[in-house]
Amino acid sequence: MQESKSPSRRRFIKQLCGGAAALALGRMVPFLPGGGPTPAHGDTDDLKPGLPKRTLGRTGAEVGLFSLGGEATIETGSRREKAAEIINRALDLGVNYIDTAPRYGNGASERNIGEVMRDRRDEVFLATKTHERDYDGTMRLIEESLERLQTDRLDLYQLHNIRLDQDLDRALADNGAVKALERLKSEGVISNIGITGHRDPEVLLRGIREYEFDTILMSLNAADRFYKPFQDELLKTAERQGLGIIAMKVAAVGRVFREDGVTSMEQALGYVLSLPVSTAIVGISSIRELEENVEIAQRFEPYPREEMQEIEELVAHYESEANFFKHHW
């Protein structure tokens, strides 16, 4: 996360884009019905900055257990001031990993994050993604992302939402997105290459076996074991290979919470952090939610297997809803 020494980096990327065509030839709290879980503790006025850290695999970066996802309020173009407030507060509290993508809010997430990165870039391990599968499209997309993010470098650039074997085949082809990522990494525009997905662990497993990615972003929550589990062979293989492992869909966009099931973010986040992950990203709607997540991460202690199983049992009767993204996205 060191400051770039090359003021012409963006010009270089434009030159790459211009040449691309030629190249291509106990943790229960009350639940509020309809409103989501209540904070684990009501008063965060005395919340002190700082998060326990883990190493992000072979990247070598030290990142906080809780990281900021670029969705919810942050992807809302009409709430720029609130998004900036959340991002700044997160950095003040010690959050040092931010994940986003061009498709979050049609670029609004990157723009909102960029407003803060303009002054605080060196405090953050910054990750975004390419949804393009080819070389040319990825080169165009990264130029747009860097402009919105107001930076000339990324700590991590990821293949976004690898769902099918065809997605992987196209990205790994001779004129695929991975070739663009390799070029960008060799020139210092990006530092690490990642793969992401929340639909099918088998496709991602094939991906990390066929290519040496630095990180993987995968869905993990208390319902995961019941359908196409990511935490079995995929998670074990990623850990064995030394990848940085980032968890997402921790709360399944709120669908993991029910009055007769998982009732607190402490259960949901604690479950995931008890797995061998480097960090977990969560989309945040308010400062209250942000501070709750930071507080949970600050006092986190790994759950014993018995407690993990109890939480899984709580979500068993509505696991399909908590795994909805595996069926529909």
C-alpha atoms as a PDB file:
ATOM      1  CA  MET A   1       0.000   0.000   0.000  1.00  0.00           C
ATOM      2  CA  GLN A   2       2.782   2.404  -0.867  1.00  0.00           C
ATOM      3  CA  GLU A   3       2.194   5.538  -2.857  1.00  0.00           C
ATOM      4  CA  SER A   4       2.803   5.244  -6.587  1.00  0.00           C
ATOM      5  CA  LYS A   5       5.863   7.094  -7.887  1.00  0.00           C
ATOM      6  CA  SER A   6       4.587   7.248 -11.474  1.00  0.00           C
ATOM      7  CA  PRO A   7       2.315  10.222 -12.282  1.00  0.00           C
ATOM      8  CA  SER A   8       1.972   8.943 -15.851  1.00  0.00           C
ATOM      9  CA  ARG A   9       0.522   5.557 -14.848  1.00  0.00           C
ATOM     10  CA  ARG A  10      -2.934   6.338 -16.207  1.00  0.00           C
ATOM     11  CA  ARG A  11      -1.403   7.534 -19.469  1.00  0.00           C
ATOM     12  CA  PHE A  12       0.403   4.196 -19.700  1.00  0.00           C
ATOM     13  CA  ILE A  13      -2.859   2.313 -19.234  1.00  0.00           C
ATOM     14  CA  LYS A  14      -4.460   4.353 -22.021  1.00  0.00           C
ATOM     15  CA  GLN A  15      -1.557   3.378 -24.262  1.00  0.00           C
ATOM     16  CA  LEU A  16      -2.138  -0.268 -23.370  1.00  0.00           C
ATOM     17  CA  CYS A  17      -5.801   0.127 -24.198  1.00  0.00           C
ATOM     18  CA  GLY A  18      -4.940   1.753 -27.496  1.00  0.00           C
ATOM     19  CA  GLY A  19      -2.789  -1.231 -28.441  1.00  0.00           C
ATOM     20  CA  ALA A  20      -5.212  -3.831 -27.168  1.00  0.00           C
ATOM     21  CA  ALA A  21      -6.984  -4.314 -30.493  1.00  0.00           C
ATOM     22  CA  ALA A  22      -3.747  -5.206 -32.178  1.00  0.00           C
ATOM     23  CA  LEU A  23      -2.822  -7.627 -29.388  1.00  0.00           C
ATOM     24  CA  ALA A  24      -6.237  -9.201 -29.530  1.00  0.00           C
ATOM     25  CA  LEU A  25      -6.311  -9.796 -33.064  1.00  0.00           C
ATOM     26  CA  GLY A  26     -23.704 -17.450  23.580  1.00  0.00           C
ATOM     27  CA  ARG A  27     -23.916 -14.784  21.264  1.00  0.00           C
ATOM     28  CA  MET A  28     -27.670 -14.214  21.043  1.00  0.00           C
ATOM     29  CA  VAL A  29     -29.272 -10.785  21.005  1.00  0.00           C
ATOM     30  CA  PRO A  30     -32.888  -9.726  20.501  1.00  0.00           C
ATOM     31  CA  PHE A  31     -34.292  -9.791  16.959  1.00  0.00           C
ATOM     32  CA  LEU A  32     -36.482  -7.085  15.510  1.00  0.00           C
ATOM     33  CA  PRO A  33     -39.024  -8.679  13.143  1.00  0.00           C
ATOM     34  CA  GLY A  34     -38.786  -7.116   9.687  1.00  0.00           C
ATOM     35  CA  GLY A  35     -35.900  -4.904  10.649  1.00  0.00           C
ATOM     36  CA  GLY A  36     -32.929  -7.207  10.881  1.00  0.00           C
ATOM     37  CA  PRO A  37     -30.834  -8.017  13.939  1.00  0.00           C
ATOM     38  CA  THR A  38     -30.172  -5.506  16.632  1.00  0.00           C
ATOM     39  CA  PRO A  39     -26.575  -4.558  17.446  1.00  0.00           C
ATOM     40  CA  ALA A  40     -24.781  -6.946  19.779  1.00  0.00           C
ATOM     41  CA  HIS A  41     -24.121  -4.025  22.105  1.00  0.00           C
ATOM     42  CA  GLY A  42     -26.156  -0.877  22.077  1.00  0.00           C
ATOM     43  CA  ASP A  43     -23.541   1.799  22.772  1.00  0.00           C
ATOM     44  CA  THR A  44     -20.571   2.235  20.447  1.00  0.00           C
ATOM     45  CA  ASP A  45     -19.676   5.779  21.542  1.00  0.00           C
ATOM     46  CA  ASP A  46     -16.553   4.462  23.284  1.00  0.00           C
ATOM     47  CA  LEU A  47     -15.499   2.222  20.398  1.00  0.00           C
ATOM     48  CA  LYS A  48     -11.746   2.419  20.009  1.00  0.00           C
ATOM     49  CA  PRO A  49      -9.947   2.038  16.662  1.00  0.00           C
ATOM     50  CA  GLY A  50      -8.092  -1.122  15.771  1.00  0.00           C
ATOM     51  CA  LEU A  51      -8.890  -4.576  14.426  1.00  0.00           C
ATOM     52  CA  PRO A  52      -7.249  -7.975  14.830  1.00  0.00           C
ATOM     53  CA  LYS A  53      -5.413  -8.794  11.601  1.00  0.00           C
ATOM     54  CA  ARG A  54      -4.702 -11.831   9.507  1.00  0.00           C
ATOM     55  CA  THR A  55      -2.359 -12.285   6.567  1.00  0.00           C
ATOM     56  CA  LEU A  56      -4.066 -12.161   3.173  1.00  0.00           C
ATOM     57  CA  GLY A  57      -2.385 -15.307   1.925  1.00  0.00           C
ATOM     58  CA  ARG A  58       0.464 -14.992  -0.522  1.00  0.00           C
ATOM     59  CA  THR A  59      -0.158 -11.249  -0.976  1.00  0.00           C
ATOM     60  CA  GLY A  60       1.588 -10.763   2.380  1.00  0.00           C
ATOM     61  CA  ALA A  61      -0.779  -7.935   3.312  1.00  0.00           C
ATOM     62  CA  GLU A  62      -2.091  -7.736   6.881  1.00  0.00           C
ATOM     63  CA  VAL A  63      -5.820  -7.015   6.803  1.00  0.00           C
ATOM     64  CA  GLY A  64      -8.448  -6.596   9.496  1.00  0.00           C
ATOM     65  CA  LEU A  65     -10.890  -9.409  10.208  1.00  0.00           C
ATOM     66  CA  PHE A  66     -13.758  -7.195   9.090  1.00  0.00           C
ATOM     67  CA  SER A  67     -13.517  -5.413   5.751  1.00  0.00           C
ATOM     68  CA  LEU A  68     -15.744  -2.983   3.904  1.00  0.00           C
ATOM     69  CA  GLY A  69     -17.786  -4.166   0.942  1.00  0.00           C
ATOM     70  CA  GLY A  70     -18.737  -1.661  -1.741  1.00  0.00           C
ATOM     71  CA  GLU A  71     -22.468  -2.364  -1.798  1.00  0.00           C
ATOM     72  CA  ALA A  72     -25.497  -1.112   0.200  1.00  0.00           C
ATOM     73  CA  THR A  73     -25.160   2.622   0.950  1.00  0.00           C
ATOM     74  CA  ILE A  74     -21.738   2.841  -0.677  1.00  0.00           C
ATOM     75  CA  GLU A  75     -23.122   1.858  -4.100  1.00  0.00           C
ATOM     76  CA  THR A  76     -25.929   4.432  -3.957  1.00  0.00           C
ATOM     77  CA  GLY A  77     -25.171   7.405  -6.166  1.00  0.00           C
ATOM     78  CA  SER A  78     -27.705   9.641  -4.434  1.00  0.00           C
ATOM     79  CA  ARG A  79     -26.119   9.107  -0.987  1.00  0.00           C
ATOM     80  CA  ARG A  80     -22.580  10.281  -1.641  1.00  0.00           C
ATOM     81  CA  GLU A  81     -22.207  12.153   1.643  1.00  0.00           C
ATOM     82  CA  LYS A  82     -23.463   9.208   3.701  1.00  0.00           C
ATOM     83  CA  ALA A  83     -21.207   6.832   1.757  1.00  0.00           C
ATOM     84  CA  ALA A  84     -18.201   9.053   2.449  1.00  0.00           C
ATOM     85  CA  GLU A  85     -19.134   9.207   6.118  1.00  0.00           C
ATOM     86  CA  ILE A  86     -19.238   5.402   6.346  1.00  0.00           C
ATOM     87  CA  ILE A  87     -15.944   4.950   4.489  1.00  0.00           C
ATOM     88  CA  ASN A  88     -14.121   7.576   6.533  1.00  0.00           C
ATOM     89  CA  ARG A  89     -15.468   6.176   9.789  1.00  0.00           C
ATOM     90  CA  ALA A  90     -14.386   2.686   8.744  1.00  0.00           C
ATOM     91  CA  LEU A  91     -10.825   3.871   8.098  1.00  0.00           C
ATOM     92  CA  ASP A  92     -10.804   5.787  11.374  1.00  0.00           C
ATOM     93  CA  LEU A  93     -11.715   2.547  13.171  1.00  0.00           C
ATOM     94  CA  GLY A  94      -8.895   0.593  11.539  1.00  0.00           C
ATOM     95  CA  VAL A  95     -10.622  -1.061   8.576  1.00  0.00           C
ATOM     96  CA  ASN A  96      -7.907  -1.327   5.928  1.00  0.00           C
ATOM     97  CA  TYR A  97      -9.438  -3.465   3.152  1.00  0.00           C
ATOM     98  CA  ILE A  98     -12.107  -2.157   0.768  1.00  0.00           C
ATOM     99  CA  ASP A  99     -13.700  -4.232  -1.988  1.00  0.00           C
ATOM    100  CA  THR A 100     -15.754  -2.835  -4.848  1.00  0.00           C
ATOM    101  CA  ALA A 101     -16.649  -3.448  -8.510  1.00  0.00           C
ATOM    102  CA  PRO A 102     -17.750  -1.399 -11.530  1.00  0.00           C
ATOM    103  CA  ARG A 103     -21.151  -3.087 -11.507  1.00  0.00           C
ATOM    104  CA  TYR A 104     -21.956  -1.980  -7.959  1.00  0.00           C
ATOM    105  CA  GLY A 105     -24.349   0.867  -8.543  1.00  0.00           C
ATOM    106  CA  ASN A 106     -23.224   1.165 -12.181  1.00  0.00           C
ATOM    107  CA  GLY A 107     -19.953   2.727 -11.070  1.00  0.00           C
ATOM    108  CA  ALA A 108     -21.377   4.681  -8.120  1.00  0.00           C
ATOM    109  CA  SER A 109     -19.580   2.483  -5.589  1.00  0.00           C
ATOM    110  CA  GLU A 110     -16.190   3.151  -7.154  1.00  0.00           C
ATOM    111  CA  ARG A 111     -16.956   6.866  -7.433  1.00  0.00           C
ATOM    112  CA  ASN A 112     -18.007   7.137  -3.802  1.00  0.00           C
ATOM    113  CA  ILE A 113     -14.941   5.236  -2.646  1.00  0.00           C
ATOM    114  CA  GLY A 114     -12.770   7.382  -4.903  1.00  0.00           C
ATOM    115  CA  GLU A 115     -13.919  10.536  -3.151  1.00  0.00           C
ATOM    116  CA  VAL A 116     -12.275   9.192   0.017  1.00  0.00           C
ATOM    117  CA  MET A 117      -9.316   7.542  -1.720  1.00  0.00           C
ATOM    118  CA  ARG A 118      -8.320  10.938  -3.109  1.00  0.00           C
ATOM    119  CA  ASP A 119      -7.021  11.811   0.372  1.00  0.00           C
ATOM    120  CA  ARG A 120      -6.637   8.442   2.130  1.00  0.00           C
ATOM    121  CA  ARG A 121      -5.418   5.990  -0.515  1.00  0.00           C
ATOM    122  CA  ASP A 122      -2.354   4.862   1.452  1.00  0.00           C
ATOM    123  CA  GLU A 123      -4.513   3.614   4.335  1.00  0.00           C
ATOM    124  CA  VAL A 124      -6.269   0.977   2.248  1.00  0.00           C
ATOM    125  CA  PHE A 125      -5.686  -2.342   0.521  1.00  0.00           C
ATOM    126  CA  LEU A 126      -7.959  -1.535  -2.414  1.00  0.00           C
ATOM    127  CA  ALA A 127      -9.657  -4.224  -4.503  1.00  0.00           C
ATOM    128  CA  THR A 128     -11.957  -3.998  -7.481  1.00  0.00           C
ATOM    129  CA  LYS A 129     -12.961  -6.340 -10.295  1.00  0.00           C
ATOM    130  CA  THR A 130     -13.422  -6.899 -14.000  1.00  0.00           C
ATOM    131  CA  HIS A 131     -16.666  -8.403 -15.261  1.00  0.00           C
ATOM    132  CA  GLU A 132     -15.201  -8.491 -18.771  1.00  0.00           C
ATOM    133  CA  ARG A 133     -13.796 -11.843 -19.859  1.00  0.00           C
ATOM    134  CA  ASP A 134     -11.524 -10.640 -22.670  1.00  0.00           C
ATOM    135  CA  TYR A 135      -8.270  -8.687 -22.863  1.00  0.00           C
ATOM    136  CA  ASP A 136      -9.594  -5.572 -24.605  1.00  0.00           C
ATOM    137  CA  GLY A 137     -12.660  -5.212 -22.404  1.00  0.00           C
ATOM    138  CA  THR A 138     -10.616  -5.576 -19.233  1.00  0.00           C
ATOM    139  CA  MET A 139      -8.105  -2.945 -20.361  1.00  0.00           C
ATOM    140  CA  ARG A 140     -10.908  -0.497 -21.032  1.00  0.00           C
ATOM    141  CA  LEU A 141     -12.643  -1.310 -17.764  1.00  0.00           C
ATOM    142  CA  ILE A 142      -9.609  -0.829 -15.527  1.00  0.00           C
ATOM    143  CA  GLU A 143      -9.016   2.623 -16.964  1.00  0.00           C
ATOM    144  CA  GLU A 144     -12.576   3.579 -16.017  1.00  0.00           C
ATOM    145  CA  SER A 145     -12.218   2.035 -12.552  1.00  0.00           C
ATOM    146  CA  LEU A 146      -8.969   3.851 -11.799  1.00  0.00           C
ATOM    147  CA  GLU A 147     -10.502   7.147 -12.840  1.00  0.00           C
ATOM    148  CA  ARG A 148     -13.546   6.629 -10.615  1.00  0.00           C
ATOM    149  CA  LEU A 149     -11.381   5.447  -7.712  1.00  0.00           C
ATOM    150  CA  GLN A 150      -9.036   8.442  -8.140  1.00  0.00           C
ATOM    151  CA  THR A 151      -5.913   6.297  -8.043  1.00  0.00           C
ATOM    152  CA  ASP A 152      -3.366   4.900 -10.468  1.00  0.00           C
ATOM    153  CA  ARG A 153      -2.876   1.529  -8.783  1.00  0.00           C
ATOM    154  CA  LEU A 154      -4.821  -1.346  -7.319  1.00  0.00           C
ATOM    155  CA  ASP A 155      -3.691  -3.740  -4.633  1.00  0.00           C
ATOM    156  CA  LEU A 156      -5.969  -6.436  -6.042  1.00  0.00           C
ATOM    157  CA  TYR A 157      -7.797  -6.842  -9.349  1.00  0.00           C
ATOM    158  CA  GLN A 158     -10.225  -9.756  -9.549  1.00  0.00           C
ATOM    159  CA  LEU A 159     -12.266 -11.720 -12.065  1.00  0.00           C
ATOM    160  CA  HIS A 160     -15.831 -10.853 -11.089  1.00  0.00           C
ATOM    161  CA  ASN A 161     -18.520 -13.480 -10.566  1.00  0.00           C
ATOM    162  CA  ILE A 162     -17.108 -16.566 -12.261  1.00  0.00           C
ATOM    163  CA  ARG A 163     -20.284 -18.662 -12.487  1.00  0.00           C
ATOM    164  CA  LEU A 164     -19.833 -21.144 -15.325  1.00  0.00           C
ATOM    165  CA  ASP A 165     -17.053 -23.102 -16.970  1.00  0.00           C
ATOM    166  CA  GLN A 166     -17.525 -20.867 -20.021  1.00  0.00           C
ATOM    167  CA  ASP A 167     -16.691 -17.806 -17.897  1.00  0.00           C
ATOM    168  CA  LEU A 168     -13.447 -19.416 -16.840  1.00  0.00           C
ATOM    169  CA  ASP A 169     -12.608 -20.649 -20.335  1.00  0.00           C
ATOM    170  CA  ARG A 170     -12.984 -17.143 -21.772  1.00  0.00           C
ATOM    171  CA  ALA A 171     -11.012 -15.472 -18.986  1.00  0.00           C
ATOM    172  CA  LEU A 172      -8.117 -17.941 -19.294  1.00  0.00           C
ATOM    173  CA  ALA A 173      -7.997 -17.893 -23.099  1.00  0.00           C
ATOM    174  CA  ASP A 174      -5.036 -16.458 -25.023  1.00  0.00           C
ATOM    175  CA  ASN A 175      -6.924 -13.176 -25.484  1.00  0.00           C
ATOM    176  CA  GLY A 176      -8.729 -13.431 -22.154  1.00  0.00           C
ATOM    177  CA  ALA A 177      -8.995 -11.177 -19.121  1.00  0.00           C
ATOM    178  CA  VAL A 178      -6.206 -12.967 -17.269  1.00  0.00           C
ATOM    179  CA  LYS A 179      -3.717 -11.939 -19.958  1.00  0.00           C
ATOM    180  CA  ALA A 180      -4.690  -8.329 -19.291  1.00  0.00           C
ATOM    181  CA  LEU A 181      -4.289  -8.831 -15.550  1.00  0.00           C
ATOM    182  CA  GLU A 182      -0.862 -10.340 -16.059  1.00  0.00           C
ATOM    183  CA  ARG A 183       0.196  -7.381 -18.212  1.00  0.00           C
ATOM    184  CA  LEU A 184      -1.096  -4.908 -15.656  1.00  0.00           C
ATOM    185  CA  LYS A 185       0.683  -6.753 -12.847  1.00  0.00           C
ATOM    186  CA  SER A 186       3.980  -6.835 -14.743  1.00  0.00           C
ATOM    187  CA  GLU A 187       3.751  -3.058 -15.192  1.00  0.00           C
ATOM    188  CA  GLY A 188       2.902  -2.385 -11.527  1.00  0.00           C
ATOM    189  CA  VAL A 189      -0.624  -1.131 -12.151  1.00  0.00           C
ATOM    190  CA  ILE A 190      -2.007  -3.958 -10.019  1.00  0.00           C
ATOM    191  CA  SER A 191      -0.220  -5.935  -7.330  1.00  0.00           C
ATOM    192  CA  ASN A 192      -2.287  -9.121  -7.113  1.00  0.00           C
ATOM    193  CA  ILE A 193      -4.733 -11.170  -9.200  1.00  0.00           C
ATOM    194  CA  GLY A 194      -7.877 -12.713  -7.735  1.00  0.00           C
ATOM    195  CA  ILE A 195     -10.931 -14.752  -8.658  1.00  0.00           C
ATOM    196  CA  THR A 196     -14.433 -14.371  -7.233  1.00  0.00           C
ATOM    197  CA  GLY A 197     -17.714 -16.244  -7.316  1.00  0.00           C
ATOM    198  CA  HIS A 198     -20.786 -17.209  -5.310  1.00  0.00           C
ATOM    199  CA  ARG A 199     -22.656 -19.612  -7.599  1.00  0.00           C
ATOM    200  CA  ASP A 200     -20.697 -22.857  -7.996  1.00  0.00           C
ATOM    201  CA  PRO A 201     -17.666 -23.909  -5.929  1.00  0.00           C
ATOM    202  CA  GLU A 202     -16.674 -26.512  -8.535  1.00  0.00           C
ATOM    203  CA  VAL A 203     -16.007 -23.851 -11.162  1.00  0.00           C
ATOM    204  CA  LEU A 204     -13.852 -21.861  -8.744  1.00  0.00           C
ATOM    205  CA  LEU A 205     -12.050 -25.037  -7.687  1.00  0.00           C
ATOM    206  CA  ARG A 206     -11.160 -25.681 -11.297  1.00  0.00           C
ATOM    207  CA  GLY A 207     -10.013 -22.066 -11.593  1.00  0.00           C
ATOM    208  CA  ILE A 208      -7.528 -22.176  -8.730  1.00  0.00           C
ATOM    209  CA  ARG A 209      -6.223 -25.524  -9.907  1.00  0.00           C
ATOM    210  CA  GLU A 210      -5.580 -24.254 -13.434  1.00  0.00           C
ATOM    211  CA  TYR A 211      -4.182 -20.820 -12.608  1.00  0.00           C
ATOM    212  CA  GLU A 212      -2.071 -19.440  -9.771  1.00  0.00           C
ATOM    213  CA  PHE A 213      -4.348 -16.747  -8.379  1.00  0.00           C
ATOM    214  CA  ASP A 214      -3.244 -14.714  -5.366  1.00  0.00           C
ATOM    215  CA  THR A 215      -6.673 -14.490  -3.725  1.00  0.00           C
ATOM    216  CA  ILE A 216     -10.162 -15.922  -3.850  1.00  0.00           C
ATOM    217  CA  LEU A 217     -13.397 -14.177  -2.819  1.00  0.00           C
ATOM    218  CA  MET A 218     -16.107 -16.755  -2.070  1.00  0.00           C
ATOM    219  CA  SER A 219     -19.509 -16.933  -0.430  1.00  0.00           C
ATOM    220  CA  LEU A 220     -19.480 -18.307   3.102  1.00  0.00           C
ATOM    221  CA  ASN A 221     -22.265 -18.222   5.669  1.00  0.00           C
ATOM    222  CA  ALA A 222     -24.031 -20.453   8.172  1.00  0.00           C
ATOM    223  CA  ALA A 223     -26.226 -22.005   5.445  1.00  0.00           C
ATOM    224  CA  ASP A 224     -23.329 -22.875   3.166  1.00  0.00           C
ATOM    225  CA  ARG A 225     -23.004 -26.524   4.190  1.00  0.00           C
ATOM    226  CA  PHE A 226     -26.530 -27.400   3.048  1.00  0.00           C
ATOM    227  CA  TYR A 227     -26.135 -26.721  -0.688  1.00  0.00           C
ATOM    228  CA  LYS A 228     -23.055 -26.653  -2.922  1.00  0.00           C
ATOM    229  CA  PRO A 229     -20.772 -25.889   0.027  1.00  0.00           C
ATOM    230  CA  PHE A 230     -17.857 -23.549  -0.591  1.00  0.00           C
ATOM    231  CA  GLN A 231     -16.269 -24.449   2.728  1.00  0.00           C
ATOM    232  CA  ASP A 232     -15.454 -28.030   1.828  1.00  0.00           C
ATOM    233  CA  GLU A 233     -13.025 -28.839  -0.998  1.00  0.00           C
ATOM    234  CA  LEU A 234     -12.752 -25.289  -2.365  1.00  0.00           C
ATOM    235  CA  LEU A 235     -11.894 -23.672   0.958  1.00  0.00           C
ATOM    236  CA  LYS A 236      -9.496 -26.460   1.881  1.00  0.00           C
ATOM    237  CA  THR A 237      -7.711 -26.263  -1.475  1.00  0.00           C
ATOM    238  CA  ALA A 238      -7.449 -22.474  -1.341  1.00  0.00           C
ATOM    239  CA  GLU A 239      -5.986 -22.696   2.161  1.00  0.00           C
ATOM    240  CA  ARG A 240      -3.539 -25.404   1.109  1.00  0.00           C
ATOM    241  CA  GLN A 241      -2.388 -23.292  -1.854  1.00  0.00           C
ATOM    242  CA  GLY A 242      -1.787 -20.267   0.357  1.00  0.00           C
ATOM    243  CA  LEU A 243      -4.356 -18.014  -1.285  1.00  0.00           C
ATOM    244  CA  GLY A 244      -5.725 -14.973   0.483  1.00  0.00           C
ATOM    245  CA  ILE A 245      -9.295 -16.052   1.307  1.00  0.00           C
ATOM    246  CA  ILE A 246     -11.981 -13.367   1.473  1.00  0.00           C
ATOM    247  CA  ALA A 247     -15.510 -14.256   2.592  1.00  0.00           C
ATOM    248  CA  MET A 248     -18.675 -12.635   1.255  1.00  0.00           C
ATOM    249  CA  LYS A 249     -22.440 -13.183   1.587  1.00  0.00           C
ATOM    250  CA  VAL A 250     -21.945 -13.444   5.354  1.00  0.00           C
ATOM    251  CA  ALA A 251     -25.505 -12.239   5.981  1.00  0.00           C
ATOM    252  CA  ALA A 252     -26.889 -13.165   2.535  1.00  0.00           C
ATOM    253  CA  VAL A 253     -28.226  -9.621   2.075  1.00  0.00           C
ATOM    254  CA  GLY A 254     -30.053 -10.007   5.390  1.00  0.00           C
ATOM    255  CA  ARG A 255     -31.708 -13.312   4.489  1.00  0.00           C
ATOM    256  CA  VAL A 256     -29.642 -15.284   6.985  1.00  0.00           C
ATOM    257  CA  PHE A 257     -31.550 -13.569   9.828  1.00  0.00           C
ATOM    258  CA  ARG A 258     -34.870 -14.835  11.169  1.00  0.00           C
ATOM    259  CA  GLU A 259     -36.619 -14.670  14.489  1.00  0.00           C
ATOM    260  CA  ASP A 260     -36.639 -18.485  14.591  1.00  0.00           C
ATOM    261  CA  GLY A 261     -33.094 -18.853  13.294  1.00  0.00           C
ATOM    262  CA  VAL A 262     -29.897 -16.814  13.283  1.00  0.00           C
ATOM    263  CA  THR A 263     -30.768 -13.607  15.105  1.00  0.00           C
ATOM    264  CA  SER A 264     -27.557 -11.616  15.371  1.00  0.00           C
ATOM    265  CA  MET A 265     -24.701 -10.381  13.243  1.00  0.00           C
ATOM    266  CA  GLU A 266     -22.404 -11.675  15.943  1.00  0.00           C
ATOM    267  CA  GLN A 267     -23.547 -15.216  15.144  1.00  0.00           C
ATOM    268  CA  ALA A 268     -23.355 -14.675  11.384  1.00  0.00           C
ATOM    269  CA  LEU A 269     -19.968 -12.952  11.298  1.00  0.00           C
ATOM    270  CA  GLY A 270     -18.478 -15.030  14.093  1.00  0.00           C
ATOM    271  CA  TYR A 271     -19.372 -18.222  12.235  1.00  0.00           C
ATOM    272  CA  VAL A 272     -17.522 -17.102   9.105  1.00  0.00           C
ATOM    273  CA  LEU A 273     -14.503 -15.728  10.947  1.00  0.00           C
ATOM    274  CA  SER A 274     -14.134 -19.100  12.660  1.00  0.00           C
ATOM    275  CA  LEU A 275     -13.367 -20.592   9.244  1.00  0.00           C
ATOM    276  CA  PRO A 276      -9.830 -20.299   7.775  1.00  0.00           C
ATOM    277  CA  VAL A 277     -10.469 -16.982   6.032  1.00  0.00           C
ATOM    278  CA  SER A 278      -8.270 -13.901   5.927  1.00  0.00           C
ATOM    279  CA  THR A 279     -11.146 -11.435   6.202  1.00  0.00           C
ATOM    280  CA  ALA A 280     -14.872 -11.018   5.571  1.00  0.00           C
ATOM    281  CA  ILE A 281     -16.373  -8.181   3.538  1.00  0.00           C
ATOM    282  CA  VAL A 282     -19.785  -6.806   4.454  1.00  0.00           C
ATOM    283  CA  GLY A 283     -21.926  -4.180   2.745  1.00  0.00           C
ATOM    284  CA  ILE A 284     -22.914  -1.463   5.212  1.00  0.00           C
ATOM    285  CA  SER A 285     -26.057   0.667   5.336  1.00  0.00           C
ATOM    286  CA  SER A 286     -25.279   2.916   8.315  1.00  0.00           C
ATOM    287  CA  ILE A 287     -22.631   4.000  10.773  1.00  0.00           C
ATOM    288  CA  ARG A 288     -24.477   1.941  13.385  1.00  0.00           C
ATOM    289  CA  GLU A 289     -24.040  -1.221  11.329  1.00  0.00           C
ATOM    290  CA  LEU A 290     -20.399  -0.408  10.650  1.00  0.00           C
ATOM    291  CA  GLU A 291     -19.579   0.079  14.306  1.00  0.00           C
ATOM    292  CA  GLU A 292     -21.397  -3.100  15.261  1.00  0.00           C
ATOM    293  CA  ASN A 293     -19.321  -5.121  12.805  1.00  0.00           C
ATOM    294  CA  VAL A 294     -16.086  -3.540  13.988  1.00  0.00           C
ATOM    295  CA  GLU A 295     -16.981  -4.254  17.603  1.00  0.00           C
ATOM    296  CA  ILE A 296     -17.789  -7.900  16.804  1.00  0.00           C
ATOM    297  CA  ALA A 297     -14.440  -8.296  15.035  1.00  0.00           C
ATOM    298  CA  GLN A 298     -12.569  -6.621  17.891  1.00  0.00           C
ATOM    299  CA  ARG A 299     -13.769  -9.092  20.509  1.00  0.00           C
ATOM    300  CA  PHE A 300     -13.947 -12.124  18.226  1.00  0.00           C
ATOM    301  CA  GLU A 301     -12.738 -15.476  19.485  1.00  0.00           C
ATOM    302  CA  PRO A 302     -13.046 -18.575  17.260  1.00  0.00           C
ATOM    303  CA  TYR A 303     -16.169 -20.606  17.865  1.00  0.00           C
ATOM    304  CA  PRO A 304     -15.726 -24.260  18.829  1.00  0.00           C
ATOM    305  CA  ARG A 305     -17.094 -26.782  16.319  1.00  0.00           C
ATOM    306  CA  GLU A 306     -20.076 -27.494  18.557  1.00  0.00           C
ATOM    307  CA  GLU A 307     -21.185 -23.870  18.415  1.00  0.00           C
ATOM    308  CA  MET A 308     -20.639 -23.755  14.649  1.00  0.00           C
ATOM    309  CA  GLN A 309     -22.949 -26.759  14.308  1.00  0.00           C
ATOM    310  CA  GLU A 310     -25.574 -25.113  16.525  1.00  0.00           C
ATOM    311  CA  ILE A 311     -25.601 -22.050  14.286  1.00  0.00           C
ATOM    312  CA  GLU A 312     -25.888 -24.247  11.188  1.00  0.00           C
ATOM    313  CA  GLU A 313     -28.862 -26.017  12.747  1.00  0.00           C
ATOM    314  CA  LEU A 314     -30.544 -22.663  13.380  1.00  0.00           C
ATOM    315  CA  VAL A 315     -30.551 -21.860   9.663  1.00  0.00           C
ATOM    316  CA  ALA A 316     -31.244 -25.390   8.394  1.00  0.00           C
ATOM    317  CA  HIS A 317     -35.007 -24.928   7.918  1.00  0.00           C
ATOM    318  CA  TYR A 318     -34.543 -21.913   5.623  1.00  0.00           C
ATOM    319  CA  GLU A 319     -31.160 -22.694   4.095  1.00  0.00           C
ATOM    320  CA  SER A 320     -32.465 -22.289   0.541  1.00  0.00           C
ATOM    321  CA  GLU A 321     -33.329 -18.659   1.258  1.00  0.00           C
ATOM    322  CA  ALA A 322     -29.948 -18.001   2.865  1.00  0.00           C
ATOM    323  CA  ASN A 323     -28.301 -19.649  -0.165  1.00  0.00           C
ATOM    324  CA  PHE A 324     -30.485 -17.788  -2.676  1.00  0.00           C
ATOM    325  CA  PHE A 325     -27.503 -16.396  -4.604  1.00  0.00           C
ATOM    326  CA  LYS A 326     -26.400 -19.934  -5.506  1.00  0.00           C
ATOM    327  CA  HIS A 327     -29.780 -20.492  -7.163  1.00  0.00           C
ATOM    328  CA  HIS A 328     -30.577 -17.142  -8.741  1.00  0.00           C
ATOM    329  CA  TRP A 329     -27.475 -14.947  -9.185  1.00  0.00           C
END
